[in-house]
Amino acid sequence: MRSGQRSTTSSESLSLNSRPLPSLAWTNVALHAAGLAVAWLGLRPGSAVVPLAERMAYLAGRPAVWSWGWGIWMLCALALVAYMAALRRALPGDPFAAQLALVVAATGMAVDLLCDVTQIQILPLAAGVGPSQSAVFLAFERLASTGGLTVANGLYTIAVLLMNLSLRGVAGIPARFAGWVSVVSGLALAAAGFVSSPLLLQAATGLTLGSYCLWTVLVARDLR
């Protein structure tokens, strides 16, 4: 009888701890969808897929959509870490891999926010000095891009990998499969930032974010 009571208590505790997960999962979906939309409409003209002179001219005008767009991606970083924190609390036994995943994700967020601030504040300023100082602009652009895509996204990818390992026996195969797809495509996205490949960047971005968002929703469903 006592064993049955402990099992019931454990199930009730898991249910209580997992309550924030669906809301946080759909918050991640909404913010990342908004981030992708604004990236195409407002961030793409200032990105490396556009010739240097054109993107410097675009950023020199300090378009509001550029600042607001990166602001949305900053919210995405916060939402990702909030989901990881809630997921760690929801997992039974508080496994070490889940604890480490949260630390890694929070570190990635710190790097990501710094790079986003560079995109918002420094790049338009560097673009405004004119073509004669394009080397300065390119240096800050590469720093922000590599820091965000390779370092921050790489850390997020490791965090998802560690958390996915912690879900064995808790979440179903579809959820964990979505997690592994996010890990593989996330590594490709990190590589795109390192080698500065716009083609690989565009190919990996949608798959990484789509599989990550699907992972959050499926995991929240399974733990509910």
C-alpha atoms as a PDB file:
ATOM      1  CA  MET A   1       0.000   0.000   0.000  1.00  0.00           C
ATOM      2  CA  ARG A   2       2.806   2.375   0.909  1.00  0.00           C
ATOM      3  CA  SER A   3       4.520   1.597  -2.391  1.00  0.00           C
ATOM      4  CA  GLY A   4       1.328   2.446  -4.249  1.00  0.00           C
ATOM      5  CA  GLN A   5       1.001   5.686  -2.312  1.00  0.00           C
ATOM      6  CA  ARG A   6       4.592   6.649  -3.193  1.00  0.00           C
ATOM      7  CA  SER A   7       3.926   5.900  -6.870  1.00  0.00           C
ATOM      8  CA  THR A   8       0.778   8.029  -6.822  1.00  0.00           C
ATOM      9  CA  THR A   9       2.600  10.864  -5.055  1.00  0.00           C
ATOM     10  CA  SER A  10       5.439  10.692  -7.595  1.00  0.00           C
ATOM     11  CA  SER A  11       2.986  10.843 -10.498  1.00  0.00           C
ATOM     12  CA  GLU A  12       1.166  13.794  -8.914  1.00  0.00           C
ATOM     13  CA  SER A  13       4.478  15.587  -8.363  1.00  0.00           C
ATOM     14  CA  LEU A  14       5.505  15.010 -11.990  1.00  0.00           C
ATOM     15  CA  SER A  15       2.124  16.330 -13.152  1.00  0.00           C
ATOM     16  CA  LEU A  16       2.430  19.474 -11.024  1.00  0.00           C
ATOM     17  CA  ASN A  17       6.020  20.144 -12.119  1.00  0.00           C
ATOM     18  CA  SER A  18       5.185  19.714 -15.804  1.00  0.00           C
ATOM     19  CA  ARG A  19       2.229  22.116 -15.848  1.00  0.00           C
ATOM     20  CA  PRO A  20       4.210  25.135 -17.188  1.00  0.00           C
ATOM     21  CA  LEU A  21       5.673  23.088 -20.071  1.00  0.00           C
ATOM     22  CA  PRO A  22       2.799  23.354 -22.611  1.00  0.00           C
ATOM     23  CA  SER A  23       2.565  27.134 -22.206  1.00  0.00           C
ATOM     24  CA  LEU A  24       6.328  27.545 -22.503  1.00  0.00           C
ATOM     25  CA  ALA A  25       6.436  25.183 -25.487  1.00  0.00           C
ATOM     26  CA  TRP A  26       3.860  27.203 -27.422  1.00  0.00           C
ATOM     27  CA  THR A  27       5.565  30.430 -26.369  1.00  0.00           C
ATOM     28  CA  ASN A  28       8.735  29.070 -27.977  1.00  0.00           C
ATOM     29  CA  VAL A  29       6.795  28.149 -31.121  1.00  0.00           C
ATOM     30  CA  ALA A  30       5.173  31.591 -31.395  1.00  0.00           C
ATOM     31  CA  LEU A  31       8.381  33.548 -30.762  1.00  0.00           C
ATOM     32  CA  HIS A  32      10.506  31.467 -33.123  1.00  0.00           C
ATOM     33  CA  ALA A  33       7.851  31.730 -35.846  1.00  0.00           C
ATOM     34  CA  ALA A  34       7.803  35.500 -35.370  1.00  0.00           C
ATOM     35  CA  GLY A  35      11.608  35.523 -35.411  1.00  0.00           C
ATOM     36  CA  LEU A  36      11.704  33.671 -38.735  1.00  0.00           C
ATOM     37  CA  ALA A  37       9.139  36.023 -40.253  1.00  0.00           C
ATOM     38  CA  VAL A  38      10.962  39.168 -39.192  1.00  0.00           C
ATOM     39  CA  ALA A  39      14.297  37.633 -40.230  1.00  0.00           C
ATOM     40  CA  TRP A  40      13.013  37.317 -43.796  1.00  0.00           C
ATOM     41  CA  LEU A  41      11.373  40.741 -43.875  1.00  0.00           C
ATOM     42  CA  GLY A  42      13.685  42.919 -41.806  1.00  0.00           C
ATOM     43  CA  LEU A  43      16.951  41.131 -41.042  1.00  0.00           C
ATOM     44  CA  ARG A  44      17.714  39.574 -44.418  1.00  0.00           C
ATOM     45  CA  PRO A  45      18.503  42.930 -46.144  1.00  0.00           C
ATOM     46  CA  GLY A  46      21.244  43.512 -43.556  1.00  0.00           C
ATOM     47  CA  SER A  47      22.650  39.979 -43.628  1.00  0.00           C
ATOM     48  CA  ALA A  48      25.525  38.372 -45.506  1.00  0.00           C
ATOM     49  CA  VAL A  49      23.195  37.013 -48.205  1.00  0.00           C
ATOM     50  CA  VAL A  50      23.061  40.593 -49.562  1.00  0.00           C
ATOM     51  CA  PRO A  51      26.106  42.315 -51.162  1.00  0.00           C
ATOM     52  CA  LEU A  52      28.259  44.297 -48.716  1.00  0.00           C
ATOM     53  CA  ALA A  53      27.502  47.784 -50.076  1.00  0.00           C
ATOM     54  CA  GLU A  54      23.753  47.136 -50.025  1.00  0.00           C
ATOM     55  CA  ARG A  55      23.604  45.813 -46.485  1.00  0.00           C
ATOM     56  CA  MET A  56      25.825  48.611 -45.155  1.00  0.00           C
ATOM     57  CA  ALA A  57      23.539  51.182 -46.791  1.00  0.00           C
ATOM     58  CA  TYR A  58      20.510  49.439 -45.285  1.00  0.00           C
ATOM     59  CA  LEU A  59      21.948  49.323 -41.773  1.00  0.00           C
ATOM     60  CA  ALA A  60      23.300  52.867 -41.910  1.00  0.00           C
ATOM     61  CA  GLY A  61      19.689  54.032 -41.948  1.00  0.00           C
ATOM     62  CA  ARG A  62      19.156  52.279 -38.602  1.00  0.00           C
ATOM     63  CA  PRO A  63      15.834  50.649 -39.650  1.00  0.00           C
ATOM     64  CA  ALA A  64      13.527  50.023 -36.705  1.00  0.00           C
ATOM     65  CA  VAL A  65      12.637  46.553 -37.977  1.00  0.00           C
ATOM     66  CA  TRP A  66      16.303  45.562 -37.581  1.00  0.00           C
ATOM     67  CA  SER A  67      16.290  46.440 -33.871  1.00  0.00           C
ATOM     68  CA  TRP A  68      12.852  44.964 -33.244  1.00  0.00           C
ATOM     69  CA  GLY A  69      13.789  41.825 -35.145  1.00  0.00           C
ATOM     70  CA  TRP A  70      16.825  41.119 -33.012  1.00  0.00           C
ATOM     71  CA  GLY A  71      14.732  41.994 -29.968  1.00  0.00           C
ATOM     72  CA  ILE A  72      12.421  39.109 -30.848  1.00  0.00           C
ATOM     73  CA  TRP A  73      15.402  36.765 -31.086  1.00  0.00           C
ATOM     74  CA  MET A  74      16.483  37.916 -27.631  1.00  0.00           C
ATOM     75  CA  LEU A  75      13.054  36.880 -26.352  1.00  0.00           C
ATOM     76  CA  CYS A  76      13.549  33.525 -28.099  1.00  0.00           C
ATOM     77  CA  ALA A  77      16.730  32.991 -26.095  1.00  0.00           C
ATOM     78  CA  LEU A  78      14.921  33.757 -22.845  1.00  0.00           C
ATOM     79  CA  ALA A  79      12.039  31.450 -23.771  1.00  0.00           C
ATOM     80  CA  LEU A  80      14.428  28.596 -24.602  1.00  0.00           C
ATOM     81  CA  VAL A  81      16.147  28.797 -21.222  1.00  0.00           C
ATOM     82  CA  ALA A  82      12.806  29.142 -19.408  1.00  0.00           C
ATOM     83  CA  TYR A  83      11.605  25.949 -21.101  1.00  0.00           C
ATOM     84  CA  MET A  84      14.816  24.121 -20.201  1.00  0.00           C
ATOM     85  CA  ALA A  85      14.464  25.209 -16.566  1.00  0.00           C
ATOM     86  CA  ALA A  86      10.852  24.023 -16.394  1.00  0.00           C
ATOM     87  CA  LEU A  87      11.755  20.736 -18.084  1.00  0.00           C
ATOM     88  CA  ARG A  88      14.587  20.100 -15.638  1.00  0.00           C
ATOM     89  CA  ARG A  89      12.169  20.576 -12.720  1.00  0.00           C
ATOM     90  CA  ALA A  90       9.619  18.258 -14.336  1.00  0.00           C
ATOM     91  CA  LEU A  91      11.992  15.328 -14.850  1.00  0.00           C
ATOM     92  CA  PRO A  92      11.879  12.709 -12.090  1.00  0.00           C
ATOM     93  CA  GLY A  93      15.081  12.336 -10.097  1.00  0.00           C
ATOM     94  CA  ASP A  94      16.545  15.632 -11.359  1.00  0.00           C
ATOM     95  CA  PRO A  95      19.194  13.864 -13.531  1.00  0.00           C
ATOM     96  CA  PHE A  96      22.662  15.391 -13.778  1.00  0.00           C
ATOM     97  CA  ALA A  97      22.478  15.602 -17.589  1.00  0.00           C
ATOM     98  CA  ALA A  98      19.375  17.804 -17.283  1.00  0.00           C
ATOM     99  CA  GLN A  99      21.091  20.039 -14.725  1.00  0.00           C
ATOM    100  CA  LEU A 100      24.093  20.381 -17.016  1.00  0.00           C
ATOM    101  CA  ALA A 101      21.800  21.078 -19.983  1.00  0.00           C
ATOM    102  CA  LEU A 102      20.302  24.047 -18.154  1.00  0.00           C
ATOM    103  CA  VAL A 103      23.733  25.455 -17.324  1.00  0.00           C
ATOM    104  CA  VAL A 104      24.892  25.065 -20.932  1.00  0.00           C
ATOM    105  CA  ALA A 105      21.678  26.659 -22.273  1.00  0.00           C
ATOM    106  CA  ALA A 106      22.019  29.623 -19.886  1.00  0.00           C
ATOM    107  CA  THR A 107      25.625  30.106 -21.017  1.00  0.00           C
ATOM    108  CA  GLY A 108      24.469  30.050 -24.630  1.00  0.00           C
ATOM    109  CA  MET A 109      21.821  32.646 -23.805  1.00  0.00           C
ATOM    110  CA  ALA A 110      24.433  34.989 -22.299  1.00  0.00           C
ATOM    111  CA  VAL A 111      26.540  34.784 -25.469  1.00  0.00           C
ATOM    112  CA  ASP A 112      23.455  35.108 -27.661  1.00  0.00           C
ATOM    113  CA  LEU A 113      22.178  38.248 -25.937  1.00  0.00           C
ATOM    114  CA  LEU A 114      25.592  39.896 -26.217  1.00  0.00           C
ATOM    115  CA  CYS A 115      25.732  39.116 -29.948  1.00  0.00           C
ATOM    116  CA  ASP A 116      22.194  40.402 -30.467  1.00  0.00           C
ATOM    117  CA  VAL A 117      23.065  43.672 -28.739  1.00  0.00           C
ATOM    118  CA  THR A 118      26.057  43.927 -31.083  1.00  0.00           C
ATOM    119  CA  GLN A 119      23.710  43.452 -34.036  1.00  0.00           C
ATOM    120  CA  ILE A 120      21.359  46.162 -32.755  1.00  0.00           C
ATOM    121  CA  GLN A 121      23.839  48.786 -31.555  1.00  0.00           C
ATOM    122  CA  ILE A 122      27.261  48.233 -33.121  1.00  0.00           C
ATOM    123  CA  LEU A 123      26.586  47.097 -36.690  1.00  0.00           C
ATOM    124  CA  PRO A 124      24.426  50.110 -37.698  1.00  0.00           C
ATOM    125  CA  LEU A 125      27.050  52.380 -36.151  1.00  0.00           C
ATOM    126  CA  ALA A 126      29.870  50.641 -38.052  1.00  0.00           C
ATOM    127  CA  ALA A 127      27.844  50.731 -41.276  1.00  0.00           C
ATOM    128  CA  GLY A 128      27.335  54.484 -40.893  1.00  0.00           C
ATOM    129  CA  VAL A 129      31.041  55.302 -41.186  1.00  0.00           C
ATOM    130  CA  GLY A 130      30.914  54.520 -44.900  1.00  0.00           C
ATOM    131  CA  PRO A 131      32.546  52.097 -47.348  1.00  0.00           C
ATOM    132  CA  SER A 132      36.032  53.351 -46.462  1.00  0.00           C
ATOM    133  CA  GLN A 133      35.748  51.601 -43.108  1.00  0.00           C
ATOM    134  CA  SER A 134      34.112  48.417 -44.384  1.00  0.00           C
ATOM    135  CA  ALA A 135      36.805  46.286 -42.720  1.00  0.00           C
ATOM    136  CA  VAL A 136      35.600  47.485 -39.298  1.00  0.00           C
ATOM    137  CA  PHE A 137      32.017  46.659 -40.226  1.00  0.00           C
ATOM    138  CA  LEU A 138      32.996  43.193 -41.471  1.00  0.00           C
ATOM    139  CA  ALA A 139      34.934  42.470 -38.277  1.00  0.00           C
ATOM    140  CA  PHE A 140      31.956  43.265 -36.035  1.00  0.00           C
ATOM    141  CA  GLU A 141      29.578  41.467 -38.394  1.00  0.00           C
ATOM    142  CA  ARG A 142      31.686  38.298 -38.310  1.00  0.00           C
ATOM    143  CA  LEU A 143      32.020  38.512 -34.523  1.00  0.00           C
ATOM    144  CA  ALA A 144      28.266  38.831 -33.995  1.00  0.00           C
ATOM    145  CA  SER A 145      27.424  36.173 -36.582  1.00  0.00           C
ATOM    146  CA  THR A 146      29.963  33.587 -35.423  1.00  0.00           C
ATOM    147  CA  GLY A 147      29.195  34.257 -31.772  1.00  0.00           C
ATOM    148  CA  GLY A 148      25.460  33.835 -32.309  1.00  0.00           C
ATOM    149  CA  LEU A 149      25.413  30.963 -34.783  1.00  0.00           C
ATOM    150  CA  THR A 150      28.445  28.932 -33.753  1.00  0.00           C
ATOM    151  CA  VAL A 151      28.967  29.629 -30.057  1.00  0.00           C
ATOM    152  CA  ALA A 152      25.467  30.381 -28.745  1.00  0.00           C
ATOM    153  CA  ASN A 153      23.624  28.021 -31.104  1.00  0.00           C
ATOM    154  CA  GLY A 154      26.289  25.366 -30.522  1.00  0.00           C
ATOM    155  CA  LEU A 155      25.686  25.590 -26.781  1.00  0.00           C
ATOM    156  CA  TYR A 156      21.912  25.415 -27.277  1.00  0.00           C
ATOM    157  CA  THR A 157      22.427  22.307 -29.412  1.00  0.00           C
ATOM    158  CA  ILE A 158      24.517  20.641 -26.704  1.00  0.00           C
ATOM    159  CA  ALA A 159      21.837  21.550 -24.162  1.00  0.00           C
ATOM    160  CA  VAL A 160      19.112  19.893 -26.262  1.00  0.00           C
ATOM    161  CA  LEU A 161      21.343  16.829 -26.689  1.00  0.00           C
ATOM    162  CA  LEU A 162      21.864  16.502 -22.928  1.00  0.00           C
ATOM    163  CA  MET A 163      18.190  17.074 -22.176  1.00  0.00           C
ATOM    164  CA  ASN A 164      17.167  14.556 -24.827  1.00  0.00           C
ATOM    165  CA  LEU A 165      19.375  11.962 -23.155  1.00  0.00           C
ATOM    166  CA  SER A 166      17.545  12.671 -19.886  1.00  0.00           C
ATOM    167  CA  LEU A 167      14.182  11.958 -21.537  1.00  0.00           C
ATOM    168  CA  ARG A 168      14.850   8.249 -22.066  1.00  0.00           C
ATOM    169  CA  GLY A 169      12.002   6.354 -20.425  1.00  0.00           C
ATOM    170  CA  VAL A 170      10.030   9.563 -19.881  1.00  0.00           C
ATOM    171  CA  ALA A 171       9.214  10.918 -23.353  1.00  0.00           C
ATOM    172  CA  GLY A 172       8.124   8.918 -26.385  1.00  0.00           C
ATOM    173  CA  ILE A 173      10.105   8.063 -29.498  1.00  0.00           C
ATOM    174  CA  PRO A 174       8.624  10.878 -31.675  1.00  0.00           C
ATOM    175  CA  ALA A 175       9.660  13.515 -29.124  1.00  0.00           C
ATOM    176  CA  ARG A 176      13.180  12.158 -28.766  1.00  0.00           C
ATOM    177  CA  PHE A 177      13.504  11.751 -32.547  1.00  0.00           C
ATOM    178  CA  ALA A 178      12.588  15.423 -33.008  1.00  0.00           C
ATOM    179  CA  GLY A 179      15.259  16.233 -30.437  1.00  0.00           C
ATOM    180  CA  TRP A 180      17.922  14.320 -32.370  1.00  0.00           C
ATOM    181  CA  VAL A 181      16.929  16.049 -35.617  1.00  0.00           C
ATOM    182  CA  SER A 182      17.315  19.377 -33.832  1.00  0.00           C
ATOM    183  CA  VAL A 183      20.758  18.341 -32.581  1.00  0.00           C
ATOM    184  CA  VAL A 184      22.047  17.257 -36.015  1.00  0.00           C
ATOM    185  CA  SER A 185      20.667  20.294 -37.850  1.00  0.00           C
ATOM    186  CA  GLY A 186      21.830  22.548 -35.005  1.00  0.00           C
ATOM    187  CA  LEU A 187      25.387  21.316 -35.482  1.00  0.00           C
ATOM    188  CA  ALA A 188      25.057  22.103 -39.199  1.00  0.00           C
ATOM    189  CA  LEU A 189      23.853  25.592 -38.295  1.00  0.00           C
ATOM    190  CA  ALA A 190      26.839  26.070 -35.994  1.00  0.00           C
ATOM    191  CA  ALA A 191      29.131  24.976 -38.816  1.00  0.00           C
ATOM    192  CA  ALA A 192      27.436  27.482 -41.149  1.00  0.00           C
ATOM    193  CA  GLY A 193      28.351  30.283 -38.772  1.00  0.00           C
ATOM    194  CA  PHE A 194      31.950  29.125 -38.507  1.00  0.00           C
ATOM    195  CA  VAL A 195      32.618  28.797 -42.245  1.00  0.00           C
ATOM    196  CA  SER A 196      30.353  31.761 -43.067  1.00  0.00           C
ATOM    197  CA  SER A 197      28.212  29.841 -45.545  1.00  0.00           C
ATOM    198  CA  PRO A 198      24.917  31.636 -46.375  1.00  0.00           C
ATOM    199  CA  LEU A 199      23.680  28.581 -48.300  1.00  0.00           C
ATOM    200  CA  LEU A 200      24.199  26.180 -45.383  1.00  0.00           C
ATOM    201  CA  LEU A 201      22.762  28.805 -43.026  1.00  0.00           C
ATOM    202  CA  GLN A 202      19.502  29.042 -44.956  1.00  0.00           C
ATOM    203  CA  ALA A 203      19.257  25.263 -45.331  1.00  0.00           C
ATOM    204  CA  ALA A 204      19.845  24.486 -41.645  1.00  0.00           C
ATOM    205  CA  THR A 205      17.925  27.307 -39.981  1.00  0.00           C
ATOM    206  CA  GLY A 206      14.392  26.179 -40.788  1.00  0.00           C
ATOM    207  CA  LEU A 207      15.055  22.529 -39.940  1.00  0.00           C
ATOM    208  CA  THR A 208      16.787  23.393 -36.669  1.00  0.00           C
ATOM    209  CA  LEU A 209      14.105  25.746 -35.404  1.00  0.00           C
ATOM    210  CA  GLY A 210      11.234  23.627 -36.713  1.00  0.00           C
ATOM    211  CA  SER A 211      12.482  20.435 -35.082  1.00  0.00           C
ATOM    212  CA  TYR A 212      13.313  22.264 -31.840  1.00  0.00           C
ATOM    213  CA  CYS A 213       9.804  23.732 -31.608  1.00  0.00           C
ATOM    214  CA  LEU A 214       8.264  20.326 -32.401  1.00  0.00           C
ATOM    215  CA  TRP A 215      10.468  18.798 -29.695  1.00  0.00           C
ATOM    216  CA  THR A 216       9.246  21.257 -27.056  1.00  0.00           C
ATOM    217  CA  VAL A 217       5.597  20.568 -27.882  1.00  0.00           C
ATOM    218  CA  LEU A 218       5.948  16.770 -28.003  1.00  0.00           C
ATOM    219  CA  VAL A 219       7.958  16.622 -24.782  1.00  0.00           C
ATOM    220  CA  ALA A 220       5.398  18.806 -23.012  1.00  0.00           C
ATOM    221  CA  ARG A 221       2.634  16.501 -24.262  1.00  0.00           C
ATOM    222  CA  ASP A 222       4.410  13.360 -23.088  1.00  0.00           C
ATOM    223  CA  LEU A 223       5.187  14.702 -19.634  1.00  0.00           C
ATOM    224  CA  ARG A 224       1.651  15.979 -19.189  1.00  0.00           C
END
